[in-house]
Amino acid sequence: MKRNNYYRNTKTTGGQPVLLADGRTAGYLTNDGKVFLKRINDKNILRYPPALCLDRTVLFKLQRFGVRTIVIKHKIDGTVWSLPLEKFLEKTFGINRGMAGSQQCVRLQHWQVEGNNAPNNAPAKPLSPLSNTAKAQPIQQRLVV
């Protein structure tokens, strides 16, 4: 896959916004309509299993619009993940994170990665569900009689 030099600030280049059901912008289509561009923060990356997700309604719109590639860029460190829509549909699994609603996710290992977090384009390592600062506490079960 070639470098994603086409990723730029779509707000200034006239990209077509793709809206969520509540009217918020989920991302943008490039002017040719073949690439969906989305910008994320750390909180938008599923921690376990490590994955990137799209709202289910957005995914249906992308299929209807004939999008070929999904490109996701990290707002802070500039890492860019890209994946053909066909492969996204092949590798996807569904989740519902409550406030975020129904989403379809693909593990980070399946994405093409460029940027600061991509040494030699190696697959991302899974994050531990427990941080270094929080130690696991034994679970105390109480029996209600």
N, C-alpha and C. Protein backbone atom coordinates (compact mmCIF):
# COMPACT_ATOMS: atom_id res chain seq x y z
N MET A 1 0.84 -1.17 0.00
CA MET A 1 0.00 0.00 0.00
C MET A 1 0.89 1.24 0.00
N LYS A 2 0.57 2.22 -0.84
CA LYS A 2 1.40 3.41 -0.90
C LYS A 2 1.13 4.33 0.29
N ARG A 3 2.08 5.24 0.52
CA ARG A 3 1.95 6.18 1.63
C ARG A 3 0.70 7.04 1.47
N ASN A 4 0.12 7.38 2.60
CA ASN A 4 -1.10 8.18 2.59
C ASN A 4 -0.79 9.67 2.58
N ASN A 5 -0.14 10.13 1.52
CA ASN A 5 0.18 11.54 1.41
C ASN A 5 -1.07 12.39 1.20
N TYR A 6 -2.19 11.77 0.88
CA TYR A 6 -3.41 12.52 0.64
C TYR A 6 -4.09 12.93 1.93
N TYR A 7 -3.62 12.45 3.08
CA TYR A 7 -4.26 12.84 4.33
C TYR A 7 -3.83 14.26 4.69
N ARG A 8 -4.77 15.14 4.76
CA ARG A 8 -4.52 16.52 5.16
C ARG A 8 -5.78 17.02 5.85
N ASN A 9 -5.79 18.27 6.20
CA ASN A 9 -6.94 18.84 6.89
C ASN A 9 -8.10 18.96 5.91
N THR A 10 -9.03 18.04 5.97
CA THR A 10 -10.12 18.02 5.00
C THR A 10 -11.10 19.16 5.21
N LYS A 11 -11.08 19.78 6.39
CA LYS A 11 -11.98 20.92 6.60
C LYS A 11 -11.62 22.07 5.68
N THR A 12 -10.35 22.20 5.34
CA THR A 12 -9.93 23.30 4.46
C THR A 12 -9.87 22.87 3.00
N THR A 13 -9.95 21.57 2.71
CA THR A 13 -9.86 21.13 1.32
C THR A 13 -11.22 20.74 0.76
N GLY A 14 -12.29 20.93 1.53
CA GLY A 14 -13.62 20.70 1.00
C GLY A 14 -14.07 19.26 1.02
N GLY A 15 -13.52 18.41 1.92
CA GLY A 15 -13.98 17.04 2.02
C GLY A 15 -15.43 16.98 2.48
N GLN A 16 -16.16 15.98 2.01
CA GLN A 16 -17.56 15.81 2.36
C GLN A 16 -17.68 15.16 3.74
N PRO A 17 -18.36 15.81 4.71
CA PRO A 17 -18.49 15.20 6.03
C PRO A 17 -19.41 13.99 6.01
N VAL A 18 -19.08 12.99 6.84
CA VAL A 18 -19.94 11.83 7.05
C VAL A 18 -20.46 11.97 8.47
N LEU A 19 -21.78 12.01 8.62
CA LEU A 19 -22.39 12.31 9.91
C LEU A 19 -22.88 11.07 10.63
N LEU A 20 -22.79 11.13 11.96
CA LEU A 20 -23.38 10.11 12.81
C LEU A 20 -24.89 10.34 12.86
N ALA A 21 -25.62 9.40 13.44
CA ALA A 21 -27.08 9.52 13.53
C ALA A 21 -27.50 10.76 14.31
N ASP A 22 -26.69 11.19 15.29
CA ASP A 22 -27.04 12.36 16.10
C ASP A 22 -26.58 13.68 15.49
N GLY A 23 -26.01 13.65 14.28
CA GLY A 23 -25.62 14.86 13.58
C GLY A 23 -24.16 15.26 13.75
N ARG A 24 -23.41 14.60 14.65
CA ARG A 24 -21.99 14.91 14.80
C ARG A 24 -21.22 14.36 13.61
N THR A 25 -20.07 14.98 13.32
CA THR A 25 -19.24 14.54 12.20
C THR A 25 -18.36 13.37 12.63
N ALA A 26 -18.44 12.25 11.90
CA ALA A 26 -17.63 11.07 12.18
C ALA A 26 -16.30 11.13 11.45
N GLY A 27 -16.26 11.81 10.34
CA GLY A 27 -15.06 11.90 9.51
C GLY A 27 -15.43 12.56 8.19
N TYR A 28 -14.53 12.45 7.23
CA TYR A 28 -14.72 13.10 5.95
C TYR A 28 -14.38 12.16 4.80
N LEU A 29 -15.04 12.36 3.67
CA LEU A 29 -14.69 11.68 2.44
C LEU A 29 -13.78 12.59 1.64
N THR A 30 -12.79 12.01 0.97
CA THR A 30 -11.97 12.82 0.07
C THR A 30 -12.85 13.29 -1.08
N ASN A 31 -12.35 14.26 -1.82
CA ASN A 31 -13.14 14.83 -2.92
C ASN A 31 -13.57 13.80 -3.95
N ASP A 32 -12.75 12.75 -4.16
CA ASP A 32 -13.13 11.71 -5.12
C ASP A 32 -14.05 10.67 -4.50
N GLY A 33 -14.28 10.72 -3.17
CA GLY A 33 -15.20 9.82 -2.50
C GLY A 33 -14.68 8.42 -2.27
N LYS A 34 -13.41 8.17 -2.52
CA LYS A 34 -12.86 6.81 -2.39
C LYS A 34 -12.23 6.53 -1.03
N VAL A 35 -11.93 7.59 -0.25
CA VAL A 35 -11.24 7.44 1.02
C VAL A 35 -12.03 8.13 2.12
N PHE A 36 -12.22 7.41 3.24
CA PHE A 36 -12.84 7.98 4.44
C PHE A 36 -11.73 8.35 5.41
N LEU A 37 -11.72 9.60 5.88
CA LEU A 37 -10.70 10.11 6.78
C LEU A 37 -11.31 10.40 8.13
N LYS A 38 -10.66 9.92 9.20
CA LYS A 38 -11.15 10.13 10.55
C LYS A 38 -9.97 10.49 11.44
N ARG A 39 -10.18 11.43 12.37
CA ARG A 39 -9.14 11.82 13.33
C ARG A 39 -9.58 11.36 14.71
N ILE A 40 -8.62 10.80 15.48
CA ILE A 40 -8.96 10.24 16.79
C ILE A 40 -8.00 10.70 17.88
N ASN A 41 -8.39 10.49 19.11
CA ASN A 41 -7.54 10.67 20.30
C ASN A 41 -7.27 9.29 20.88
N ASP A 42 -6.48 9.24 21.96
CA ASP A 42 -6.20 7.96 22.63
C ASP A 42 -7.47 7.27 23.10
N LYS A 43 -8.45 8.04 23.57
CA LYS A 43 -9.67 7.44 24.12
C LYS A 43 -10.50 6.73 23.06
N ASN A 44 -10.23 6.99 21.78
CA ASN A 44 -10.97 6.35 20.71
C ASN A 44 -10.40 5.00 20.29
N ILE A 45 -9.28 4.60 20.87
CA ILE A 45 -8.68 3.31 20.55
C ILE A 45 -9.14 2.30 21.59
N LEU A 46 -9.74 1.23 21.14
CA LEU A 46 -10.19 0.18 22.05
C LEU A 46 -8.96 -0.43 22.70
N ARG A 47 -8.95 -0.53 24.02
CA ARG A 47 -7.76 -0.98 24.73
C ARG A 47 -7.60 -2.50 24.70
N TYR A 48 -8.70 -3.22 24.90
CA TYR A 48 -8.57 -4.67 24.93
C TYR A 48 -9.77 -5.31 24.27
N PRO A 49 -9.61 -6.01 23.17
CA PRO A 49 -8.38 -6.13 22.40
C PRO A 49 -8.08 -4.81 21.70
N PRO A 50 -6.79 -4.50 21.48
CA PRO A 50 -6.45 -3.24 20.83
C PRO A 50 -7.05 -3.19 19.42
N ALA A 51 -7.91 -2.21 19.19
CA ALA A 51 -8.61 -2.13 17.91
C ALA A 51 -9.06 -0.71 17.63
N LEU A 52 -9.35 -0.44 16.37
CA LEU A 52 -9.95 0.81 15.94
C LEU A 52 -11.37 0.50 15.49
N CYS A 53 -12.30 1.38 15.86
CA CYS A 53 -13.72 1.12 15.63
C CYS A 53 -14.38 2.23 14.82
N LEU A 54 -15.44 1.84 14.13
CA LEU A 54 -16.30 2.80 13.42
C LEU A 54 -17.73 2.55 13.87
N ASP A 55 -18.49 3.61 13.96
CA ASP A 55 -19.90 3.50 14.26
C ASP A 55 -20.57 2.66 13.17
N ARG A 56 -21.48 1.80 13.56
CA ARG A 56 -22.11 0.88 12.61
C ARG A 56 -22.86 1.66 11.51
N THR A 57 -23.53 2.73 11.86
CA THR A 57 -24.27 3.50 10.84
C THR A 57 -23.30 4.15 9.85
N VAL A 58 -22.14 4.59 10.33
CA VAL A 58 -21.12 5.17 9.44
C VAL A 58 -20.61 4.10 8.48
N LEU A 59 -20.38 2.90 8.99
CA LEU A 59 -19.91 1.81 8.14
C LEU A 59 -20.89 1.51 7.02
N PHE A 60 -22.20 1.50 7.33
CA PHE A 60 -23.21 1.29 6.28
C PHE A 60 -23.16 2.40 5.24
N LYS A 61 -22.97 3.65 5.69
CA LYS A 61 -22.88 4.78 4.76
C LYS A 61 -21.66 4.64 3.85
N LEU A 62 -20.53 4.22 4.43
CA LEU A 62 -19.31 4.07 3.63
C LEU A 62 -19.50 3.02 2.54
N GLN A 63 -20.17 1.93 2.87
CA GLN A 63 -20.46 0.91 1.86
C GLN A 63 -21.35 1.48 0.77
N ARG A 64 -22.38 2.22 1.16
CA ARG A 64 -23.31 2.80 0.19
C ARG A 64 -22.62 3.82 -0.70
N PHE A 65 -21.67 4.60 -0.15
CA PHE A 65 -20.97 5.63 -0.92
C PHE A 65 -19.89 5.05 -1.83
N GLY A 66 -19.54 3.77 -1.65
CA GLY A 66 -18.51 3.15 -2.48
C GLY A 66 -17.09 3.48 -2.05
N VAL A 67 -16.90 3.76 -0.76
CA VAL A 67 -15.56 4.05 -0.23
C VAL A 67 -14.68 2.81 -0.37
N ARG A 68 -13.42 3.02 -0.70
CA ARG A 68 -12.50 1.89 -0.86
C ARG A 68 -11.52 1.75 0.30
N THR A 69 -11.16 2.86 0.95
CA THR A 69 -10.12 2.83 1.99
C THR A 69 -10.56 3.66 3.19
N ILE A 70 -10.23 3.16 4.38
CA ILE A 70 -10.45 3.88 5.63
C ILE A 70 -9.09 4.33 6.14
N VAL A 71 -8.96 5.62 6.46
CA VAL A 71 -7.71 6.17 6.99
C VAL A 71 -8.04 6.86 8.29
N ILE A 72 -7.33 6.47 9.36
CA ILE A 72 -7.55 7.06 10.68
C ILE A 72 -6.24 7.66 11.15
N LYS A 73 -6.28 8.93 11.56
CA LYS A 73 -5.08 9.63 12.00
C LYS A 73 -5.21 10.04 13.46
N HIS A 74 -4.14 9.78 14.23
CA HIS A 74 -4.10 10.20 15.63
C HIS A 74 -3.82 11.69 15.68
N LYS A 75 -4.66 12.45 16.38
CA LYS A 75 -4.55 13.90 16.42
C LYS A 75 -3.26 14.38 17.07
N ILE A 76 -2.73 13.65 18.05
CA ILE A 76 -1.60 14.13 18.82
C ILE A 76 -0.26 13.69 18.23
N ASP A 77 -0.06 12.38 18.04
CA ASP A 77 1.26 11.92 17.59
C ASP A 77 1.37 11.72 16.08
N GLY A 78 0.28 11.87 15.34
CA GLY A 78 0.34 11.81 13.89
C GLY A 78 0.36 10.42 13.28
N THR A 79 0.23 9.38 14.10
CA THR A 79 0.19 8.02 13.56
C THR A 79 -1.01 7.88 12.64
N VAL A 80 -0.81 7.20 11.50
CA VAL A 80 -1.88 7.01 10.52
C VAL A 80 -2.08 5.51 10.31
N TRP A 81 -3.32 5.07 10.47
CA TRP A 81 -3.70 3.68 10.21
C TRP A 81 -4.56 3.68 8.96
N SER A 82 -4.35 2.73 8.06
CA SER A 82 -5.19 2.63 6.87
C SER A 82 -5.51 1.16 6.59
N LEU A 83 -6.68 0.97 5.99
CA LEU A 83 -7.15 -0.38 5.71
C LEU A 83 -8.21 -0.30 4.61
N PRO A 84 -8.14 -1.19 3.61
CA PRO A 84 -9.20 -1.22 2.60
C PRO A 84 -10.53 -1.58 3.27
N LEU A 85 -11.61 -0.97 2.83
CA LEU A 85 -12.93 -1.24 3.41
C LEU A 85 -13.28 -2.73 3.31
N GLU A 86 -12.90 -3.35 2.21
CA GLU A 86 -13.18 -4.78 2.02
C GLU A 86 -12.54 -5.62 3.13
N LYS A 87 -11.29 -5.30 3.48
CA LYS A 87 -10.61 -6.04 4.54
C LYS A 87 -11.22 -5.70 5.91
N PHE A 88 -11.65 -4.44 6.10
CA PHE A 88 -12.31 -4.06 7.34
C PHE A 88 -13.55 -4.94 7.54
N LEU A 89 -14.35 -5.11 6.49
CA LEU A 89 -15.56 -5.92 6.59
C LEU A 89 -15.25 -7.39 6.84
N GLU A 90 -14.13 -7.84 6.33
CA GLU A 90 -13.71 -9.23 6.49
C GLU A 90 -13.24 -9.53 7.92
N LYS A 91 -12.55 -8.56 8.55
CA LYS A 91 -11.92 -8.78 9.86
C LYS A 91 -12.70 -8.19 11.03
N THR A 92 -13.86 -7.61 10.80
CA THR A 92 -14.57 -6.85 11.81
C THR A 92 -15.26 -7.71 12.87
N PHE A 93 -15.40 -7.12 14.06
CA PHE A 93 -16.24 -7.71 15.12
C PHE A 93 -17.02 -6.57 15.76
N GLY A 94 -18.19 -6.87 16.28
CA GLY A 94 -19.06 -5.85 16.83
C GLY A 94 -18.95 -5.70 18.34
N ILE A 95 -19.12 -4.46 18.80
CA ILE A 95 -19.17 -4.18 20.23
C ILE A 95 -20.20 -3.08 20.47
N ASN A 96 -20.59 -2.92 21.74
CA ASN A 96 -21.43 -1.81 22.13
C ASN A 96 -20.86 -1.27 23.43
N ARG A 97 -20.26 -0.08 23.39
CA ARG A 97 -19.60 0.50 24.55
C ARG A 97 -20.52 1.46 25.31
N GLY A 98 -21.80 1.25 25.25
CA GLY A 98 -22.72 2.11 25.99
C GLY A 98 -22.95 3.42 25.27
N MET A 99 -22.33 4.51 25.75
CA MET A 99 -22.55 5.83 25.16
C MET A 99 -22.15 5.89 23.69
N ALA A 100 -21.13 5.13 23.29
CA ALA A 100 -20.66 5.18 21.90
C ALA A 100 -21.59 4.44 20.95
N GLY A 101 -22.47 3.60 21.47
CA GLY A 101 -23.40 2.86 20.64
C GLY A 101 -22.76 1.66 19.95
N SER A 102 -23.47 1.10 18.99
CA SER A 102 -22.99 -0.09 18.28
C SER A 102 -21.86 0.29 17.34
N GLN A 103 -20.76 -0.44 17.46
CA GLN A 103 -19.60 -0.17 16.62
C GLN A 103 -19.06 -1.47 16.04
N GLN A 104 -18.35 -1.33 14.95
CA GLN A 104 -17.62 -2.43 14.33
C GLN A 104 -16.14 -2.11 14.45
N CYS A 105 -15.35 -3.09 14.90
CA CYS A 105 -13.93 -2.87 15.18
C CYS A 105 -13.06 -3.85 14.42
N VAL A 106 -11.82 -3.43 14.17
CA VAL A 106 -10.80 -4.31 13.60
C VAL A 106 -9.55 -4.15 14.44
N ARG A 107 -8.97 -5.28 14.85
CA ARG A 107 -7.75 -5.26 15.67
C ARG A 107 -6.64 -4.49 14.98
N LEU A 108 -5.80 -3.84 15.79
CA LEU A 108 -4.72 -3.02 15.25
C LEU A 108 -3.75 -3.81 14.38
N GLN A 109 -3.59 -5.10 14.64
CA GLN A 109 -2.62 -5.90 13.89
C GLN A 109 -2.97 -5.99 12.40
N HIS A 110 -4.22 -5.70 12.04
CA HIS A 110 -4.63 -5.81 10.63
C HIS A 110 -4.46 -4.50 9.85
N TRP A 111 -4.17 -3.41 10.54
CA TRP A 111 -4.06 -2.10 9.90
C TRP A 111 -2.65 -1.84 9.39
N GLN A 112 -2.53 -1.13 8.28
CA GLN A 112 -1.26 -0.61 7.78
C GLN A 112 -0.96 0.63 8.62
N VAL A 113 0.23 0.70 9.24
CA VAL A 113 0.54 1.79 10.17
C VAL A 113 1.71 2.62 9.66
N GLU A 114 1.57 3.94 9.77
CA GLU A 114 2.64 4.88 9.43
C GLU A 114 2.73 5.90 10.54
N GLY A 115 3.94 6.34 10.84
CA GLY A 115 4.09 7.40 11.83
C GLY A 115 4.92 7.00 13.02
N ASN A 116 4.77 7.76 14.09
CA ASN A 116 5.61 7.61 15.29
C ASN A 116 5.46 6.26 15.97
N ASN A 117 4.28 5.66 15.94
CA ASN A 117 4.05 4.40 16.62
C ASN A 117 4.19 3.20 15.71
N ALA A 118 4.90 3.35 14.60
CA ALA A 118 5.00 2.26 13.63
C ALA A 118 6.43 1.94 13.28
N PRO A 119 7.20 1.36 14.21
CA PRO A 119 8.56 0.98 13.84
C PRO A 119 8.53 -0.18 12.85
N ASN A 120 9.03 0.09 11.66
CA ASN A 120 9.08 -0.92 10.59
C ASN A 120 7.72 -1.52 10.29
N ASN A 121 6.66 -0.75 10.54
CA ASN A 121 5.30 -1.19 10.26
C ASN A 121 4.94 -2.48 10.99
N ALA A 122 5.48 -2.65 12.18
CA ALA A 122 5.19 -3.84 12.97
C ALA A 122 3.78 -3.75 13.54
N PRO A 123 3.13 -4.90 13.73
CA PRO A 123 1.81 -4.87 14.33
C PRO A 123 1.87 -4.30 15.75
N ALA A 124 0.82 -3.65 16.15
CA ALA A 124 0.78 -3.07 17.49
C ALA A 124 0.74 -4.16 18.55
N LYS A 125 1.38 -3.89 19.69
CA LYS A 125 1.37 -4.85 20.79
C LYS A 125 0.11 -4.64 21.62
N PRO A 126 -0.49 -5.73 22.12
CA PRO A 126 -1.68 -5.58 22.95
C PRO A 126 -1.36 -4.82 24.23
N LEU A 127 -2.29 -3.98 24.66
CA LEU A 127 -2.13 -3.26 25.91
C LEU A 127 -2.66 -4.12 27.05
N SER A 128 -2.02 -4.01 28.19
CA SER A 128 -2.49 -4.74 29.36
C SER A 128 -3.76 -4.10 29.87
N PRO A 129 -4.76 -4.90 30.26
CA PRO A 129 -5.97 -4.31 30.81
C PRO A 129 -5.72 -3.64 32.17
N LEU A 130 -4.60 -3.97 32.81
CA LEU A 130 -4.24 -3.34 34.08
C LEU A 130 -3.07 -2.40 33.85
N SER A 131 -3.18 -1.18 34.30
CA SER A 131 -2.08 -0.24 34.13
C SER A 131 -0.99 -0.54 35.15
N ASN A 132 0.18 0.05 34.96
CA ASN A 132 1.28 -0.15 35.89
C ASN A 132 1.00 0.48 37.24
N THR A 133 0.16 1.49 37.27
CA THR A 133 -0.10 2.18 38.53
C THR A 133 -1.15 1.49 39.36
N ALA A 134 -2.03 0.76 38.73
CA ALA A 134 -3.09 0.08 39.49
C ALA A 134 -2.75 -1.39 39.64
N LYS A 135 -2.72 -1.85 40.86
CA LYS A 135 -2.45 -3.27 41.10
C LYS A 135 -3.75 -4.01 41.29
N ALA A 136 -3.74 -5.24 40.84
CA ALA A 136 -4.96 -6.04 40.96
C ALA A 136 -5.23 -6.33 42.43
N GLN A 137 -6.46 -6.12 42.81
CA GLN A 137 -6.90 -6.41 44.17
C GLN A 137 -7.71 -7.70 44.14
N PRO A 138 -7.57 -8.52 45.18
CA PRO A 138 -8.37 -9.73 45.21
C PRO A 138 -9.87 -9.39 45.29
N ILE A 139 -10.66 -10.15 44.60
CA ILE A 139 -12.09 -9.92 44.61
C ILE A 139 -12.69 -10.60 45.81
N GLN A 140 -13.43 -9.85 46.58
CA GLN A 140 -14.09 -10.41 47.75
C GLN A 140 -15.55 -10.64 47.40
N GLN A 141 -15.96 -11.86 47.56
CA GLN A 141 -17.35 -12.19 47.24
C GLN A 141 -18.14 -12.23 48.53
N ARG A 142 -19.30 -11.63 48.50
CA ARG A 142 -20.18 -11.65 49.65
C ARG A 142 -21.40 -12.47 49.29
N LEU A 143 -21.72 -13.33 50.17
CA LEU A 143 -22.90 -14.15 49.97
C LEU A 143 -24.08 -13.48 50.65
N VAL A 144 -25.13 -13.29 49.92
CA VAL A 144 -26.34 -12.70 50.49
C VAL A 144 -27.24 -13.85 50.89
N VAL A 145 -27.57 -13.88 52.17
CA VAL A 145 -28.40 -14.97 52.68
C VAL A 145 -29.76 -14.47 53.04
